[in-house]
Amino acid sequence: MSGVSNKKAFENFEKLAKYHKKRPEPPFLRASTLLVPHYIDEEEIENISRFIANLDPTIPYSLLAFYPWYLFSDMPLISREFALRCEKIARNSGLKKVRIGNLHLLR
């Protein structure tokens, strides 16, 4: 969305994942993706989930329901079906701790 590479974010996440193994509870590291309609798709969720699972499948991953606000007020809410598909994709990619956040925002 910003036009800036996310390479550094992935590199930093990879470095931090090593600490998660040293302190899994409470989790040293968590990942989350905001499910923005028309910007995030199932393929992207699968790629992110595989990346995390290859580092450590016990890293918690939250899929956050988007709420249209401010400059995005014309965007729709995310559907419950899409969020559930994304959760299943993340689990099928090998992640063990996947949750959907902001359930009350799903339509």
C-alpha atoms as a PDB file:
ATOM      1  CA  MET A   1       0.000   0.000   0.000  1.00  0.00           C
ATOM      2  CA  SER A   2       2.856   2.386   0.782  1.00  0.00           C
ATOM      3  CA  GLY A   3       5.088   1.544  -2.167  1.00  0.00           C
ATOM      4  CA  VAL A   4       7.977   0.780   0.204  1.00  0.00           C
ATOM      5  CA  SER A   5       9.596  -2.655   0.271  1.00  0.00           C
ATOM      6  CA  ASN A   6       8.726  -4.896   3.220  1.00  0.00           C
ATOM      7  CA  LYS A   7      12.051  -6.747   2.993  1.00  0.00           C
ATOM      8  CA  LYS A   8      13.452  -5.153   6.154  1.00  0.00           C
ATOM      9  CA  ALA A   9      10.323  -6.028   8.145  1.00  0.00           C
ATOM     10  CA  PHE A  10      10.705  -9.693   7.187  1.00  0.00           C
ATOM     11  CA  GLU A  11      14.421  -9.609   8.053  1.00  0.00           C
ATOM     12  CA  ASN A  12      13.686  -8.094  11.470  1.00  0.00           C
ATOM     13  CA  PHE A  13      10.893 -10.577  12.142  1.00  0.00           C
ATOM     14  CA  GLU A  14      13.273 -13.422  11.306  1.00  0.00           C
ATOM     15  CA  LYS A  15      15.832 -12.090  13.805  1.00  0.00           C
ATOM     16  CA  LEU A  16      13.208 -11.707  16.545  1.00  0.00           C
ATOM     17  CA  ALA A  17      11.816 -15.211  15.952  1.00  0.00           C
ATOM     18  CA  LYS A  18      14.985 -16.647  17.519  1.00  0.00           C
ATOM     19  CA  TYR A  19      14.010 -15.048  20.832  1.00  0.00           C
ATOM     20  CA  HIS A  20      10.528 -16.547  20.685  1.00  0.00           C
ATOM     21  CA  LYS A  21      12.041 -20.008  21.091  1.00  0.00           C
ATOM     22  CA  LYS A  22      13.772 -18.838  24.269  1.00  0.00           C
ATOM     23  CA  ARG A  23      10.558 -17.439  25.784  1.00  0.00           C
ATOM     24  CA  PRO A  24       7.402 -18.893  24.247  1.00  0.00           C
ATOM     25  CA  GLU A  25       5.144 -17.892  27.193  1.00  0.00           C
ATOM     26  CA  PRO A  26       4.267 -15.150  27.351  1.00  0.00           C
ATOM     27  CA  PRO A  27       5.085 -14.925  23.660  1.00  0.00           C
ATOM     28  CA  PHE A  28       8.114 -12.813  22.917  1.00  0.00           C
ATOM     29  CA  LEU A  29       6.855 -12.302  19.377  1.00  0.00           C
ATOM     30  CA  ARG A  30       3.420 -12.093  17.779  1.00  0.00           C
ATOM     31  CA  ALA A  31       2.397 -11.491  14.207  1.00  0.00           C
ATOM     32  CA  SER A  32      -0.773  -9.870  12.947  1.00  0.00           C
ATOM     33  CA  THR A  33      -2.305  -8.955   9.628  1.00  0.00           C
ATOM     34  CA  LEU A  34      -5.069  -6.419   9.190  1.00  0.00           C
ATOM     35  CA  LEU A  35      -7.576  -7.924   6.738  1.00  0.00           C
ATOM     36  CA  VAL A  36      -8.255  -4.887   4.562  1.00  0.00           C
ATOM     37  CA  PRO A  37     -10.757  -5.621   1.768  1.00  0.00           C
ATOM     38  CA  HIS A  38      -9.267  -5.451  -1.740  1.00  0.00           C
ATOM     39  CA  TYR A  39      -5.728  -5.110  -0.331  1.00  0.00           C
ATOM     40  CA  ILE A  40      -5.147  -8.431   1.470  1.00  0.00           C
ATOM     41  CA  ASP A  41      -5.976 -11.690  -0.268  1.00  0.00           C
ATOM     42  CA  GLU A  42      -5.741 -15.383   0.560  1.00  0.00           C
ATOM     43  CA  GLU A  43      -2.456 -15.801  -1.312  1.00  0.00           C
ATOM     44  CA  GLU A  44      -0.835 -13.118   0.817  1.00  0.00           C
ATOM     45  CA  ILE A  45      -2.112 -14.770   4.010  1.00  0.00           C
ATOM     46  CA  GLU A  46      -0.680 -18.081   2.818  1.00  0.00           C
ATOM     47  CA  ASN A  47       2.725 -16.537   2.047  1.00  0.00           C
ATOM     48  CA  ILE A  48       2.912 -14.763   5.399  1.00  0.00           C
ATOM     49  CA  SER A  49       1.757 -17.874   7.260  1.00  0.00           C
ATOM     50  CA  ARG A  50       4.343 -20.093   5.577  1.00  0.00           C
ATOM     51  CA  PHE A  51       7.070 -17.578   6.338  1.00  0.00           C
ATOM     52  CA  ILE A  52       6.133 -17.554  10.038  1.00  0.00           C
ATOM     53  CA  ALA A  53       5.660 -21.340  10.227  1.00  0.00           C
ATOM     54  CA  ASN A  54       9.106 -21.924   8.716  1.00  0.00           C
ATOM     55  CA  LEU A  55      10.616 -19.827  11.497  1.00  0.00           C
ATOM     56  CA  ASP A  56       8.564 -21.295  14.351  1.00  0.00           C
ATOM     57  CA  PRO A  57       5.027 -22.692  14.024  1.00  0.00           C
ATOM     58  CA  THR A  58       4.221 -21.711  17.622  1.00  0.00           C
ATOM     59  CA  ILE A  59       4.513 -17.953  16.978  1.00  0.00           C
ATOM     60  CA  PRO A  60       0.993 -16.549  17.543  1.00  0.00           C
ATOM     61  CA  TYR A  61      -0.670 -15.059  14.456  1.00  0.00           C
ATOM     62  CA  SER A  62      -3.731 -12.800  14.622  1.00  0.00           C
ATOM     63  CA  LEU A  63      -5.929 -11.978  11.665  1.00  0.00           C
ATOM     64  CA  LEU A  64      -7.532  -8.652  12.492  1.00  0.00           C
ATOM     65  CA  ALA A  65     -10.867  -7.592  11.083  1.00  0.00           C
ATOM     66  CA  PHE A  66     -10.686  -4.212   9.385  1.00  0.00           C
ATOM     67  CA  TYR A  67     -12.940  -1.334  10.403  1.00  0.00           C
ATOM     68  CA  PRO A  68     -13.523   1.464   7.858  1.00  0.00           C
ATOM     69  CA  TRP A  69     -12.559   4.732   9.480  1.00  0.00           C
ATOM     70  CA  TYR A  70     -11.183   8.144   8.527  1.00  0.00           C
ATOM     71  CA  LEU A  71      -9.678   7.969   5.006  1.00  0.00           C
ATOM     72  CA  PHE A  72     -10.974   4.428   4.500  1.00  0.00           C
ATOM     73  CA  SER A  73     -14.588   5.174   5.419  1.00  0.00           C
ATOM     74  CA  ASP A  74     -15.762   4.069   1.975  1.00  0.00           C
ATOM     75  CA  MET A  75     -14.347   0.548   2.413  1.00  0.00           C
ATOM     76  CA  PRO A  76     -16.566  -2.412   3.350  1.00  0.00           C
ATOM     77  CA  LEU A  77     -16.253  -4.571   6.432  1.00  0.00           C
ATOM     78  CA  ILE A  78     -14.518  -7.901   5.948  1.00  0.00           C
ATOM     79  CA  SER A  79     -16.778 -10.937   5.709  1.00  0.00           C
ATOM     80  CA  ARG A  80     -16.818 -13.666   8.339  1.00  0.00           C
ATOM     81  CA  GLU A  81     -16.366 -16.235   5.555  1.00  0.00           C
ATOM     82  CA  PHE A  82     -13.185 -14.567   4.299  1.00  0.00           C
ATOM     83  CA  ALA A  83     -11.728 -14.318   7.807  1.00  0.00           C
ATOM     84  CA  LEU A  84     -12.488 -17.996   8.467  1.00  0.00           C
ATOM     85  CA  ARG A  85     -10.871 -18.993   5.155  1.00  0.00           C
ATOM     86  CA  CYS A  86      -7.780 -17.010   6.097  1.00  0.00           C
ATOM     87  CA  GLU A  87      -7.674 -18.701   9.503  1.00  0.00           C
ATOM     88  CA  LYS A  88      -7.857 -22.112   7.833  1.00  0.00           C
ATOM     89  CA  ILE A  89      -5.107 -21.173   5.361  1.00  0.00           C
ATOM     90  CA  ALA A  90      -2.845 -20.063   8.215  1.00  0.00           C
ATOM     91  CA  ARG A  91      -3.438 -23.322  10.103  1.00  0.00           C
ATOM     92  CA  ASN A  92      -2.910 -25.398   6.953  1.00  0.00           C
ATOM     93  CA  SER A  93       0.380 -23.558   6.447  1.00  0.00           C
ATOM     94  CA  GLY A  94       1.582 -25.053   9.724  1.00  0.00           C
ATOM     95  CA  LEU A  95       0.809 -22.376  12.296  1.00  0.00           C
ATOM     96  CA  LYS A  96      -0.477 -23.702  15.610  1.00  0.00           C
ATOM     97  CA  LYS A  97      -1.690 -20.485  17.292  1.00  0.00           C
ATOM     98  CA  VAL A  98      -3.984 -18.613  14.919  1.00  0.00           C
ATOM     99  CA  ARG A  99      -6.873 -16.412  15.975  1.00  0.00           C
ATOM    100  CA  ILE A 100      -9.250 -13.945  14.431  1.00  0.00           C
ATOM    101  CA  GLY A 101      -9.291 -10.628  16.244  1.00  0.00           C
ATOM    102  CA  ASN A 102     -12.083  -8.043  16.313  1.00  0.00           C
ATOM    103  CA  LEU A 103     -14.750 -10.699  15.720  1.00  0.00           C
ATOM    104  CA  HIS A 104     -17.461  -8.157  16.453  1.00  0.00           C
ATOM    105  CA  LEU A 105     -16.486  -6.275  13.277  1.00  0.00           C
ATOM    106  CA  LEU A 106     -17.116  -9.187  10.917  1.00  0.00           C
ATOM    107  CA  ARG A 107     -20.214  -9.035   8.780  1.00  0.00           C
END
